[in-house]
Amino acid sequence: MEDEEQELAQMADLVHIEIGRREKRPLCNRCSRPVGVCWCSSLGCHRVQTSCRVVILQHPHEEKRCLRTAPILQAGLPQGAYVEAKGKRFSFTRFPHLEEILTSENSILMYPGEVAMDLESLLPIGNGQPPYNIIIIDGTWQQAKSIYHNCRHLHSLRQVKLSGKYTSEYVIRTQPTEDALSTVETAAIALATLENDWSIYDTLVRPLQLLCQYQMKHGAVPHHSKEYMIVSGRYKKPLGKRTYKKLRKCGAKQEESLSDFLDSLNITESKKKEGSDPDALDKEDGDEKVNDNLEETKVSTENEEEDSCETAEEPKNSSDTTGSVDSIDDIR
């Protein structure tokens, strides 16, 4: 009995113990990152002087990422040279400030594709060539693809791609291919090329390098691209034809090695079909088709939800002409 009373007394004393609350780290007013890992010191006090304008079409989910690179552009470019809009569809009703940009003859879309032209083939500004509006879709590959197909105004723009000779400095994230670049790197290369001033690239990429140094100092490790991991045999996840096709669409450099990889898949699949139960193979094909259908249903559902949101918000936004102007990660 005495032991129980003693235990109850000890438990009663625990009630008076103050629970320590961890205070949030102070944030930098310029980059909104914790002061201890702020990259503003590498950017300097002066903004980059540029004639072209960078327009970021950002997927809403990208805003939640803590290691985004678009804020570097917002902090480094002069006011008026950086425009940001967040959304999945960019209608002129909700984003009236984009109409002048998306209908301009001097606007280009940094988006790889069969009809995309090389960046170096464009005339640099000056000598009669006015400044460009450089439009970049900020999000994952799937998000960028969805934004492009849902925004019909983007289809009429000139598509521009990078030559593939650049290597990303964003080493703390896994890129799909060897020459996939972050948002800030894509913008920096486009600005430096079109304005013939590579000091722009050095200035804008320096904060990204410092960001990666901070992360690796606190435990992060350099990441290889998915393309490199596959070709080198270090990729441990199950592979299939769809992975190969996605890498080809992203512009994989090592296409010959990936072609050998695809040939090995075909040989393996043919051997399986020779010695496997036909019913089991039919089941595998059926599962793959089900997965494809589920993915298509998911995309279409998102589009329907966005349509309903736009319909509900249009009356409200028709009187508001300010829009959202603030700030393929891994688009190329």
C-alpha atoms as a PDB file:
ATOM      1  CA  MET A   1       0.000   0.000   0.000  1.00  0.00           C
ATOM      2  CA  GLU A   2       2.824   2.348   0.876  1.00  0.00           C
ATOM      3  CA  ASP A   3       4.542   1.548  -2.402  1.00  0.00           C
ATOM      4  CA  GLU A   4       1.441   2.487  -4.381  1.00  0.00           C
ATOM      5  CA  GLU A   5       1.088   5.797  -2.520  1.00  0.00           C
ATOM      6  CA  GLN A   6       4.748   6.557  -3.174  1.00  0.00           C
ATOM      7  CA  GLU A   7       4.330   5.874  -6.903  1.00  0.00           C
ATOM      8  CA  LEU A   8       1.231   8.081  -7.042  1.00  0.00           C
ATOM      9  CA  ALA A   9       3.138  10.876  -5.321  1.00  0.00           C
ATOM     10  CA  GLN A  10       5.970  10.598  -7.835  1.00  0.00           C
ATOM     11  CA  MET A  11       3.514  10.673 -10.722  1.00  0.00           C
ATOM     12  CA  ALA A  12       1.845  13.751  -9.239  1.00  0.00           C
ATOM     13  CA  ASP A  13       5.209  15.524  -9.240  1.00  0.00           C
ATOM     14  CA  LEU A  14       5.516  14.879 -12.982  1.00  0.00           C
ATOM     15  CA  VAL A  15       2.502  17.113 -13.610  1.00  0.00           C
ATOM     16  CA  HIS A  16       4.504  20.187 -12.620  1.00  0.00           C
ATOM     17  CA  ILE A  17       7.344  19.507 -15.053  1.00  0.00           C
ATOM     18  CA  GLU A  18       7.418  22.150 -17.788  1.00  0.00           C
ATOM     19  CA  ILE A  19       7.557  20.775 -21.299  1.00  0.00           C
ATOM     20  CA  GLY A  20      10.166  22.593 -23.331  1.00  0.00           C
ATOM     21  CA  ARG A  21       8.931  23.951 -26.637  1.00  0.00           C
ATOM     22  CA  ARG A  22      11.411  24.262 -29.452  1.00  0.00           C
ATOM     23  CA  GLU A  23      11.328  27.728 -30.914  1.00  0.00           C
ATOM     24  CA  LYS A  24      11.313  28.111 -34.661  1.00  0.00           C
ATOM     25  CA  ARG A  25      14.527  29.248 -36.219  1.00  0.00           C
ATOM     26  CA  PRO A  26      14.544  32.875 -37.342  1.00  0.00           C
ATOM     27  CA  LEU A  27      13.961  33.239 -41.084  1.00  0.00           C
ATOM     28  CA  CYS A  28      15.699  35.457 -43.595  1.00  0.00           C
ATOM     29  CA  ASN A  29      13.438  38.228 -44.881  1.00  0.00           C
ATOM     30  CA  ARG A  30      14.814  37.890 -48.404  1.00  0.00           C
ATOM     31  CA  CYS A  31      14.872  34.136 -49.131  1.00  0.00           C
ATOM     32  CA  SER A  32      12.542  32.923 -46.313  1.00  0.00           C
ATOM     33  CA  ARG A  33      15.068  30.261 -45.313  1.00  0.00           C
ATOM     34  CA  PRO A  34      16.488  29.820 -41.776  1.00  0.00           C
ATOM     35  CA  VAL A  35      19.207  32.370 -41.138  1.00  0.00           C
ATOM     36  CA  GLY A  36      21.782  29.637 -40.485  1.00  0.00           C
ATOM     37  CA  VAL A  37      21.370  28.190 -43.991  1.00  0.00           C
ATOM     38  CA  CYS A  38      20.540  31.384 -45.866  1.00  0.00           C
ATOM     39  CA  TRP A  39      22.077  31.659 -49.353  1.00  0.00           C
ATOM     40  CA  CYS A  40      21.603  35.428 -49.765  1.00  0.00           C
ATOM     41  CA  SER A  41      25.254  36.117 -48.941  1.00  0.00           C
ATOM     42  CA  SER A  42      26.297  34.368 -52.179  1.00  0.00           C
ATOM     43  CA  LEU A  43      23.876  36.459 -54.211  1.00  0.00           C
ATOM     44  CA  GLY A  44      25.089  39.832 -53.018  1.00  0.00           C
ATOM     45  CA  CYS A  45      23.136  43.029 -52.499  1.00  0.00           C
ATOM     46  CA  HIS A  46      22.722  43.913 -56.172  1.00  0.00           C
ATOM     47  CA  ARG A  47      20.302  42.172 -58.506  1.00  0.00           C
ATOM     48  CA  VAL A  48      21.284  40.788 -61.890  1.00  0.00           C
ATOM     49  CA  GLN A  49      20.747  43.276 -64.706  1.00  0.00           C
ATOM     50  CA  THR A  50      18.847  41.637 -67.540  1.00  0.00           C
ATOM     51  CA  SER A  51      16.635  42.778 -70.386  1.00  0.00           C
ATOM     52  CA  CYS A  52      14.681  39.522 -70.792  1.00  0.00           C
ATOM     53  CA  ARG A  53      11.835  38.551 -68.503  1.00  0.00           C
ATOM     54  CA  VAL A  54      11.514  35.174 -66.771  1.00  0.00           C
ATOM     55  CA  VAL A  55       7.962  33.864 -66.343  1.00  0.00           C
ATOM     56  CA  ILE A  56       7.444  30.922 -63.965  1.00  0.00           C
ATOM     57  CA  LEU A  57       4.250  28.869 -64.260  1.00  0.00           C
ATOM     58  CA  GLN A  58       4.374  26.969 -60.992  1.00  0.00           C
ATOM     59  CA  HIS A  59       2.358  23.911 -60.039  1.00  0.00           C
ATOM     60  CA  PRO A  60       0.689  24.398 -56.595  1.00  0.00           C
ATOM     61  CA  HIS A  61       2.437  21.329 -55.144  1.00  0.00           C
ATOM     62  CA  GLU A  62       5.847  22.798 -55.971  1.00  0.00           C
ATOM     63  CA  GLU A  63       5.294  25.581 -53.442  1.00  0.00           C
ATOM     64  CA  LYS A  64       5.400  23.036 -50.600  1.00  0.00           C
ATOM     65  CA  ARG A  65       8.947  21.934 -51.400  1.00  0.00           C
ATOM     66  CA  CYS A  66      11.510  23.368 -48.994  1.00  0.00           C
ATOM     67  CA  LEU A  67      14.410  23.177 -51.471  1.00  0.00           C
ATOM     68  CA  ARG A  68      12.836  25.039 -54.365  1.00  0.00           C
ATOM     69  CA  THR A  69      15.101  27.001 -56.678  1.00  0.00           C
ATOM     70  CA  ALA A  70      12.581  29.512 -58.046  1.00  0.00           C
ATOM     71  CA  PRO A  71      13.053  31.839 -55.012  1.00  0.00           C
ATOM     72  CA  ILE A  72      16.659  32.337 -56.156  1.00  0.00           C
ATOM     73  CA  LEU A  73      15.323  33.878 -59.368  1.00  0.00           C
ATOM     74  CA  GLN A  74      12.877  36.018 -57.436  1.00  0.00           C
ATOM     75  CA  ALA A  75      15.658  37.357 -55.214  1.00  0.00           C
ATOM     76  CA  GLY A  76      18.270  37.714 -57.949  1.00  0.00           C
ATOM     77  CA  LEU A  77      16.336  39.275 -60.841  1.00  0.00           C
ATOM     78  CA  PRO A  78      15.246  42.923 -60.910  1.00  0.00           C
ATOM     79  CA  GLN A  79      11.638  43.837 -60.253  1.00  0.00           C
ATOM     80  CA  GLY A  80       9.636  43.425 -63.440  1.00  0.00           C
ATOM     81  CA  ALA A  81      12.032  40.842 -64.870  1.00  0.00           C
ATOM     82  CA  TYR A  82      10.484  38.039 -62.814  1.00  0.00           C
ATOM     83  CA  VAL A  83       6.830  36.976 -63.023  1.00  0.00           C
ATOM     84  CA  GLU A  84       5.333  34.013 -61.200  1.00  0.00           C
ATOM     85  CA  ALA A  85       1.880  32.470 -61.392  1.00  0.00           C
ATOM     86  CA  LYS A  86       0.674  29.436 -59.433  1.00  0.00           C
ATOM     87  CA  GLY A  87      -1.938  27.054 -60.807  1.00  0.00           C
ATOM     88  CA  LYS A  88      -2.721  24.024 -62.943  1.00  0.00           C
ATOM     89  CA  ARG A  89      -4.498  25.881 -65.736  1.00  0.00           C
ATOM     90  CA  PHE A  90      -3.630  29.426 -66.696  1.00  0.00           C
ATOM     91  CA  SER A  91      -6.722  30.954 -68.249  1.00  0.00           C
ATOM     92  CA  PHE A  92      -6.724  34.664 -68.979  1.00  0.00           C
ATOM     93  CA  THR A  93      -9.794  35.051 -66.787  1.00  0.00           C
ATOM     94  CA  ARG A  94      -7.908  34.062 -63.655  1.00  0.00           C
ATOM     95  CA  PHE A  95      -4.511  35.365 -64.802  1.00  0.00           C
ATOM     96  CA  PRO A  96      -5.180  38.470 -66.919  1.00  0.00           C
ATOM     97  CA  HIS A  97      -1.575  39.669 -66.581  1.00  0.00           C
ATOM     98  CA  LEU A  98      -0.413  36.592 -68.545  1.00  0.00           C
ATOM     99  CA  GLU A  99      -2.390  37.440 -71.695  1.00  0.00           C
ATOM    100  CA  GLU A 100       0.163  39.955 -72.928  1.00  0.00           C
ATOM    101  CA  ILE A 101       2.999  37.488 -72.233  1.00  0.00           C
ATOM    102  CA  LEU A 102       1.484  34.318 -73.699  1.00  0.00           C
ATOM    103  CA  THR A 103       0.340  36.066 -76.885  1.00  0.00           C
ATOM    104  CA  SER A 104       3.611  37.897 -77.559  1.00  0.00           C
ATOM    105  CA  GLU A 105       5.756  36.934 -80.545  1.00  0.00           C
ATOM    106  CA  ASN A 106       8.848  37.333 -78.366  1.00  0.00           C
ATOM    107  CA  SER A 107       7.762  34.688 -75.840  1.00  0.00           C
ATOM    108  CA  ILE A 108       9.464  31.297 -75.797  1.00  0.00           C
ATOM    109  CA  LEU A 109       8.604  28.186 -73.798  1.00  0.00           C
ATOM    110  CA  MET A 110      11.428  26.144 -72.300  1.00  0.00           C
ATOM    111  CA  TYR A 111       9.858  22.750 -72.922  1.00  0.00           C
ATOM    112  CA  PRO A 112      11.544  19.844 -74.760  1.00  0.00           C
ATOM    113  CA  GLY A 113       9.707  18.100 -77.556  1.00  0.00           C
ATOM    114  CA  GLU A 114       9.895  16.935 -81.157  1.00  0.00           C
ATOM    115  CA  VAL A 115       9.266  20.432 -82.513  1.00  0.00           C
ATOM    116  CA  ALA A 116      11.477  22.232 -79.982  1.00  0.00           C
ATOM    117  CA  MET A 117      14.386  24.262 -81.354  1.00  0.00           C
ATOM    118  CA  ASP A 118      17.815  24.601 -79.753  1.00  0.00           C
ATOM    119  CA  LEU A 119      18.346  27.607 -77.539  1.00  0.00           C
ATOM    120  CA  GLU A 120      21.512  28.538 -79.440  1.00  0.00           C
ATOM    121  CA  SER A 121      19.511  28.856 -82.681  1.00  0.00           C
ATOM    122  CA  LEU A 122      17.639  31.908 -81.362  1.00  0.00           C
ATOM    123  CA  LEU A 123      18.937  35.382 -82.145  1.00  0.00           C
ATOM    124  CA  PRO A 124      20.502  37.095 -79.128  1.00  0.00           C
ATOM    125  CA  ILE A 125      18.902  40.355 -78.060  1.00  0.00           C
ATOM    126  CA  GLY A 126      20.136  43.546 -79.665  1.00  0.00           C
ATOM    127  CA  ASN A 127      20.559  44.539 -83.302  1.00  0.00           C
ATOM    128  CA  GLY A 128      16.810  44.710 -83.777  1.00  0.00           C
ATOM    129  CA  GLN A 129      15.945  41.663 -81.644  1.00  0.00           C
ATOM    130  CA  PRO A 130      13.751  42.731 -78.686  1.00  0.00           C
ATOM    131  CA  PRO A 131      14.027  41.025 -75.261  1.00  0.00           C
ATOM    132  CA  TYR A 132      12.390  37.625 -74.815  1.00  0.00           C
ATOM    133  CA  ASN A 133       9.799  36.394 -72.360  1.00  0.00           C
ATOM    134  CA  ILE A 134      11.328  33.127 -71.119  1.00  0.00           C
ATOM    135  CA  ILE A 135       8.486  30.903 -69.881  1.00  0.00           C
ATOM    136  CA  ILE A 136       9.370  27.948 -67.628  1.00  0.00           C
ATOM    137  CA  ILE A 137       6.972  25.389 -66.131  1.00  0.00           C
ATOM    138  CA  ASP A 138       8.013  24.717 -62.533  1.00  0.00           C
ATOM    139  CA  GLY A 139       7.115  21.246 -61.230  1.00  0.00           C
ATOM    140  CA  THR A 140       7.829  17.565 -61.682  1.00  0.00           C
ATOM    141  CA  TRP A 141       7.847  16.050 -65.172  1.00  0.00           C
ATOM    142  CA  GLN A 142       4.307  14.754 -64.752  1.00  0.00           C
ATOM    143  CA  GLN A 143       3.087  18.099 -63.387  1.00  0.00           C
ATOM    144  CA  ALA A 144       4.764  20.034 -66.201  1.00  0.00           C
ATOM    145  CA  LYS A 145       3.239  17.724 -68.799  1.00  0.00           C
ATOM    146  CA  SER A 146      -0.214  18.183 -67.267  1.00  0.00           C
ATOM    147  CA  ILE A 147       0.119  21.990 -67.220  1.00  0.00           C
ATOM    148  CA  TYR A 148       1.252  22.054 -70.835  1.00  0.00           C
ATOM    149  CA  HIS A 149      -1.658  19.944 -72.099  1.00  0.00           C
ATOM    150  CA  ASN A 150      -4.224  21.847 -70.004  1.00  0.00           C
ATOM    151  CA  CYS A 151      -3.112  25.321 -71.113  1.00  0.00           C
ATOM    152  CA  ARG A 152      -3.903  25.721 -74.819  1.00  0.00           C
ATOM    153  CA  HIS A 153      -2.165  29.115 -74.930  1.00  0.00           C
ATOM    154  CA  LEU A 154       1.184  27.374 -74.436  1.00  0.00           C
ATOM    155  CA  HIS A 155       0.730  25.284 -77.582  1.00  0.00           C
ATOM    156  CA  SER A 156       1.154  28.294 -79.878  1.00  0.00           C
ATOM    157  CA  LEU A 157       4.467  29.375 -78.321  1.00  0.00           C
ATOM    158  CA  ARG A 158       7.872  28.506 -79.733  1.00  0.00           C
ATOM    159  CA  GLN A 159       9.234  25.509 -77.829  1.00  0.00           C
ATOM    160  CA  VAL A 160      12.900  25.738 -76.938  1.00  0.00           C
ATOM    161  CA  LYS A 161      15.200  23.065 -75.525  1.00  0.00           C
ATOM    162  CA  LEU A 162      18.730  23.048 -74.149  1.00  0.00           C
ATOM    163  CA  SER A 163      21.496  21.363 -76.097  1.00  0.00           C
ATOM    164  CA  GLY A 164      22.268  18.770 -73.413  1.00  0.00           C
ATOM    165  CA  LYS A 165      25.859  19.850 -72.839  1.00  0.00           C
ATOM    166  CA  TYR A 166      25.132  21.234 -69.365  1.00  0.00           C
ATOM    167  CA  THR A 167      25.394  19.317 -66.088  1.00  0.00           C
ATOM    168  CA  SER A 168      23.226  20.188 -63.112  1.00  0.00           C
ATOM    169  CA  GLU A 169      24.708  21.707 -59.957  1.00  0.00           C
ATOM    170  CA  TYR A 170      21.640  20.531 -58.047  1.00  0.00           C
ATOM    171  CA  VAL A 171      23.373  17.392 -56.786  1.00  0.00           C
ATOM    172  CA  ILE A 172      21.190  16.768 -53.721  1.00  0.00           C
ATOM    173  CA  ARG A 173      18.153  15.718 -55.804  1.00  0.00           C
ATOM    174  CA  THR A 174      17.794  12.794 -58.167  1.00  0.00           C
ATOM    175  CA  GLN A 175      17.339  13.970 -61.753  1.00  0.00           C
ATOM    176  CA  PRO A 176      15.704  11.745 -64.403  1.00  0.00           C
ATOM    177  CA  THR A 177      18.579  12.132 -66.881  1.00  0.00           C
ATOM    178  CA  GLU A 178      22.203  13.264 -66.879  1.00  0.00           C
ATOM    179  CA  ASP A 179      21.416  16.656 -68.416  1.00  0.00           C
ATOM    180  CA  ALA A 180      18.194  17.454 -66.516  1.00  0.00           C
ATOM    181  CA  LEU A 181      18.405  20.881 -64.875  1.00  0.00           C
ATOM    182  CA  SER A 182      16.644  22.739 -62.095  1.00  0.00           C
ATOM    183  CA  THR A 183      14.422  25.760 -62.662  1.00  0.00           C
ATOM    184  CA  VAL A 184      17.063  28.326 -61.732  1.00  0.00           C
ATOM    185  CA  GLU A 185      19.693  26.642 -63.926  1.00  0.00           C
ATOM    186  CA  THR A 186      17.369  26.557 -66.930  1.00  0.00           C
ATOM    187  CA  ALA A 187      16.567  30.244 -66.529  1.00  0.00           C
ATOM    188  CA  ALA A 188      20.209  31.175 -65.923  1.00  0.00           C
ATOM    189  CA  ILE A 189      21.421  29.363 -69.072  1.00  0.00           C
ATOM    190  CA  ALA A 190      18.642  30.888 -71.179  1.00  0.00           C
ATOM    191  CA  LEU A 191      19.389  34.415 -69.920  1.00  0.00           C
ATOM    192  CA  ALA A 192      23.150  34.037 -70.313  1.00  0.00           C
ATOM    193  CA  THR A 193      22.796  32.681 -73.858  1.00  0.00           C
ATOM    194  CA  LEU A 194      20.221  35.166 -75.139  1.00  0.00           C
ATOM    195  CA  GLU A 195      21.940  38.173 -73.553  1.00  0.00           C
ATOM    196  CA  ASN A 196      25.444  36.901 -74.318  1.00  0.00           C
ATOM    197  CA  ASP A 197      26.547  37.467 -70.714  1.00  0.00           C
ATOM    198  CA  TRP A 198      27.607  34.357 -68.784  1.00  0.00           C
ATOM    199  CA  SER A 199      28.179  36.334 -65.587  1.00  0.00           C
ATOM    200  CA  ILE A 200      24.371  36.088 -65.229  1.00  0.00           C
ATOM    201  CA  TYR A 201      24.668  32.302 -65.006  1.00  0.00           C
ATOM    202  CA  ASP A 202      27.501  32.458 -62.460  1.00  0.00           C
ATOM    203  CA  THR A 203      25.569  34.872 -60.242  1.00  0.00           C
ATOM    204  CA  LEU A 204      22.267  32.968 -60.266  1.00  0.00           C
ATOM    205  CA  VAL A 205      23.759  29.490 -59.808  1.00  0.00           C
ATOM    206  CA  ARG A 206      26.058  30.475 -56.927  1.00  0.00           C
ATOM    207  CA  PRO A 207      23.197  30.373 -54.339  1.00  0.00           C
ATOM    208  CA  LEU A 208      22.230  26.908 -55.601  1.00  0.00           C
ATOM    209  CA  GLN A 209      25.777  25.670 -55.031  1.00  0.00           C
ATOM    210  CA  LEU A 210      25.739  27.106 -51.503  1.00  0.00           C
ATOM    211  CA  LEU A 211      22.345  25.508 -50.839  1.00  0.00           C
ATOM    212  CA  CYS A 212      23.732  22.083 -51.790  1.00  0.00           C
ATOM    213  CA  GLN A 213      26.806  22.646 -49.616  1.00  0.00           C
ATOM    214  CA  TYR A 214      24.606  23.427 -46.612  1.00  0.00           C
ATOM    215  CA  GLN A 215      22.529  20.283 -47.157  1.00  0.00           C
ATOM    216  CA  MET A 216      25.549  17.996 -47.600  1.00  0.00           C
ATOM    217  CA  LYS A 217      27.139  19.510 -44.498  1.00  0.00           C
ATOM    218  CA  HIS A 218      24.062  18.389 -42.535  1.00  0.00           C
ATOM    219  CA  GLY A 219      23.941  14.825 -43.878  1.00  0.00           C
ATOM    220  CA  ALA A 220      22.736  14.984 -47.475  1.00  0.00           C
ATOM    221  CA  VAL A 221      24.669  13.007 -50.087  1.00  0.00           C
ATOM    222  CA  PRO A 222      25.200  13.671 -53.814  1.00  0.00           C
ATOM    223  CA  HIS A 223      22.638  11.940 -56.030  1.00  0.00           C
ATOM    224  CA  HIS A 224      23.202  10.370 -59.422  1.00  0.00           C
ATOM    225  CA  SER A 225      20.581  10.632 -62.143  1.00  0.00           C
ATOM    226  CA  LYS A 226      18.181   7.766 -62.762  1.00  0.00           C
ATOM    227  CA  GLU A 227      19.695   7.377 -66.231  1.00  0.00           C
ATOM    228  CA  TYR A 228      23.190   6.897 -64.765  1.00  0.00           C
ATOM    229  CA  MET A 229      21.931   4.425 -62.153  1.00  0.00           C
ATOM    230  CA  ILE A 230      20.216   2.295 -64.814  1.00  0.00           C
ATOM    231  CA  VAL A 231      23.146   2.246 -67.229  1.00  0.00           C
ATOM    232  CA  SER A 232      25.657   1.481 -64.458  1.00  0.00           C
ATOM    233  CA  GLY A 233      23.483  -1.333 -63.064  1.00  0.00           C
ATOM    234  CA  ARG A 234      23.011   0.353 -59.693  1.00  0.00           C
ATOM    235  CA  TYR A 235      19.275   0.974 -60.017  1.00  0.00           C
ATOM    236  CA  LYS A 236      17.571  -1.500 -57.659  1.00  0.00           C
ATOM    237  CA  LYS A 237      13.907  -0.866 -58.403  1.00  0.00           C
ATOM    238  CA  PRO A 238      11.938  -2.956 -60.932  1.00  0.00           C
ATOM    239  CA  LEU A 239      12.356  -1.675 -64.488  1.00  0.00           C
ATOM    240  CA  GLY A 240      10.191  -1.866 -67.569  1.00  0.00           C
ATOM    241  CA  LYS A 241       9.598  -0.401 -70.983  1.00  0.00           C
ATOM    242  CA  ARG A 242       7.692   2.559 -69.540  1.00  0.00           C
ATOM    243  CA  THR A 243      10.761   3.678 -67.541  1.00  0.00           C
ATOM    244  CA  TYR A 244      12.864   3.506 -70.699  1.00  0.00           C
ATOM    245  CA  LYS A 245      10.321   5.510 -72.704  1.00  0.00           C
ATOM    246  CA  LYS A 246      10.131   8.207 -70.023  1.00  0.00           C
ATOM    247  CA  LEU A 247      13.898   8.589 -70.053  1.00  0.00           C
ATOM    248  CA  ARG A 248      13.884   8.870 -73.828  1.00  0.00           C
ATOM    249  CA  LYS A 249      11.259  11.624 -73.642  1.00  0.00           C
ATOM    250  CA  CYS A 250      13.346  13.459 -71.038  1.00  0.00           C
ATOM    251  CA  GLY A 251      16.273  13.448 -73.478  1.00  0.00           C
ATOM    252  CA  ALA A 252      18.599  10.809 -72.098  1.00  0.00           C
ATOM    253  CA  LYS A 253      22.196  11.205 -73.277  1.00  0.00           C
ATOM    254  CA  GLN A 254      23.169   7.531 -73.162  1.00  0.00           C
ATOM    255  CA  GLU A 255      20.563   6.312 -75.620  1.00  0.00           C
ATOM    256  CA  GLU A 256      22.751   3.478 -76.949  1.00  0.00           C
ATOM    257  CA  SER A 257      23.187   1.999 -73.486  1.00  0.00           C
ATOM    258  CA  LEU A 258      19.498   2.422 -72.805  1.00  0.00           C
ATOM    259  CA  SER A 259      18.719   0.742 -76.132  1.00  0.00           C
ATOM    260  CA  ASP A 260      20.849  -2.228 -75.051  1.00  0.00           C
ATOM    261  CA  PHE A 261      18.893  -2.202 -71.811  1.00  0.00           C
ATOM    262  CA  LEU A 262      15.611  -2.317 -73.721  1.00  0.00           C
ATOM    263  CA  ASP A 263      16.889  -5.162 -75.912  1.00  0.00           C
ATOM    264  CA  SER A 264      17.762  -7.130 -72.772  1.00  0.00           C
ATOM    265  CA  LEU A 265      14.234  -6.530 -71.508  1.00  0.00           C
ATOM    266  CA  ASN A 266      12.790  -7.865 -74.767  1.00  0.00           C
ATOM    267  CA  ILE A 267      14.995 -10.974 -74.562  1.00  0.00           C
ATOM    268  CA  THR A 268      13.978 -11.543 -70.942  1.00  0.00           C
ATOM    269  CA  GLU A 269      10.304 -11.097 -71.744  1.00  0.00           C
ATOM    270  CA  SER A 270      10.486 -13.520 -74.675  1.00  0.00           C
ATOM    271  CA  LYS A 271      12.120 -16.146 -72.462  1.00  0.00           C
ATOM    272  CA  LYS A 272       9.398 -15.632 -69.878  1.00  0.00           C
ATOM    273  CA  LYS A 273       6.695 -16.123 -72.473  1.00  0.00           C
ATOM    274  CA  GLU A 274       8.320 -19.322 -73.713  1.00  0.00           C
ATOM    275  CA  GLY A 275       8.463 -20.937 -70.285  1.00  0.00           C
ATOM    276  CA  SER A 276       5.579 -19.305 -68.437  1.00  0.00           C
ATOM    277  CA  ASP A 277       1.922 -20.002 -68.036  1.00  0.00           C
ATOM    278  CA  PRO A 278      -0.105 -18.049 -70.660  1.00  0.00           C
ATOM    279  CA  ASP A 279      -2.759 -17.252 -68.052  1.00  0.00           C
ATOM    280  CA  ALA A 280      -0.110 -15.676 -65.807  1.00  0.00           C
ATOM    281  CA  LEU A 281       1.217 -13.567 -68.676  1.00  0.00           C
ATOM    282  CA  ASP A 282      -2.298 -12.394 -69.503  1.00  0.00           C
ATOM    283  CA  LYS A 283      -2.698 -11.410 -65.854  1.00  0.00           C
ATOM    284  CA  GLU A 284       0.542  -9.356 -65.947  1.00  0.00           C
ATOM    285  CA  ASP A 285      -0.586  -7.552 -69.100  1.00  0.00           C
ATOM    286  CA  GLY A 286      -3.954  -6.917 -67.501  1.00  0.00           C
ATOM    287  CA  ASP A 287      -2.318  -5.480 -64.362  1.00  0.00           C
ATOM    288  CA  GLU A 288      -0.191  -3.123 -66.464  1.00  0.00           C
ATOM    289  CA  LYS A 289      -3.260  -1.921 -68.386  1.00  0.00           C
ATOM    290  CA  VAL A 290      -5.121  -1.381 -65.092  1.00  0.00           C
ATOM    291  CA  ASN A 291      -2.243   0.743 -63.775  1.00  0.00           C
ATOM    292  CA  ASP A 292      -2.261   2.824 -66.972  1.00  0.00           C
ATOM    293  CA  ASN A 293      -6.025   3.305 -66.714  1.00  0.00           C
ATOM    294  CA  LEU A 294      -5.742   4.325 -63.054  1.00  0.00           C
ATOM    295  CA  GLU A 295      -3.106   6.925 -63.918  1.00  0.00           C
ATOM    296  CA  GLU A 296      -5.213   8.342 -66.773  1.00  0.00           C
ATOM    297  CA  THR A 297      -8.273   8.440 -64.480  1.00  0.00           C
ATOM    298  CA  LYS A 298      -6.254  10.320 -61.856  1.00  0.00           C
ATOM    299  CA  VAL A 299      -5.135  12.963 -64.370  1.00  0.00           C
ATOM    300  CA  SER A 300      -8.643  13.380 -65.759  1.00  0.00           C
ATOM    301  CA  THR A 301     -10.058  13.689 -62.222  1.00  0.00           C
ATOM    302  CA  GLU A 302      -7.566  16.450 -61.422  1.00  0.00           C
ATOM    303  CA  ASN A 303      -8.570  18.244 -64.614  1.00  0.00           C
ATOM    304  CA  GLU A 304     -12.278  17.995 -63.755  1.00  0.00           C
ATOM    305  CA  GLU A 305     -11.618  19.328 -60.242  1.00  0.00           C
ATOM    306  CA  GLU A 306      -9.651  22.231 -61.697  1.00  0.00           C
ATOM    307  CA  ASP A 307     -12.474  22.971 -64.154  1.00  0.00           C
ATOM    308  CA  SER A 308     -14.997  23.091 -61.314  1.00  0.00           C
ATOM    309  CA  CYS A 309     -12.711  25.346 -59.262  1.00  0.00           C
ATOM    310  CA  GLU A 310     -12.245  27.741 -62.163  1.00  0.00           C
ATOM    311  CA  THR A 311     -15.994  27.877 -62.806  1.00  0.00           C
ATOM    312  CA  ALA A 312     -16.651  28.687 -59.160  1.00  0.00           C
ATOM    313  CA  GLU A 313     -13.920  31.326 -58.902  1.00  0.00           C
ATOM    314  CA  GLU A 314     -14.331  33.141 -62.226  1.00  0.00           C
ATOM    315  CA  PRO A 315     -17.026  35.603 -61.055  1.00  0.00           C
ATOM    316  CA  LYS A 316     -14.812  36.582 -58.127  1.00  0.00           C
ATOM    317  CA  ASN A 317     -11.646  36.939 -60.155  1.00  0.00           C
ATOM    318  CA  SER A 318     -13.268  38.788 -63.032  1.00  0.00           C
ATOM    319  CA  SER A 319     -13.066  41.986 -60.971  1.00  0.00           C
ATOM    320  CA  ASP A 320      -9.604  41.260 -59.563  1.00  0.00           C
ATOM    321  CA  THR A 321      -6.933  41.962 -62.152  1.00  0.00           C
ATOM    322  CA  THR A 322      -3.912  41.755 -59.880  1.00  0.00           C
ATOM    323  CA  GLY A 323      -3.280  38.008 -60.298  1.00  0.00           C
ATOM    324  CA  SER A 324      -0.546  36.139 -58.477  1.00  0.00           C
ATOM    325  CA  VAL A 325       2.909  37.492 -59.228  1.00  0.00           C
ATOM    326  CA  ASP A 326       5.578  36.180 -56.843  1.00  0.00           C
ATOM    327  CA  SER A 327       7.874  32.991 -57.875  1.00  0.00           C
ATOM    328  CA  ILE A 328      10.647  20.790 -65.151  1.00  0.00           C
ATOM    329  CA  ASP A 329      12.240  21.390 -59.954  1.00  0.00           C
ATOM    330  CA  ASP A 330      13.354  19.423 -62.262  1.00  0.00           C
ATOM    331  CA  ILE A 331      12.290  20.475 -65.768  1.00  0.00           C
ATOM    332  CA  ARG A 332      14.399  20.644 -68.712  1.00  0.00           C
END
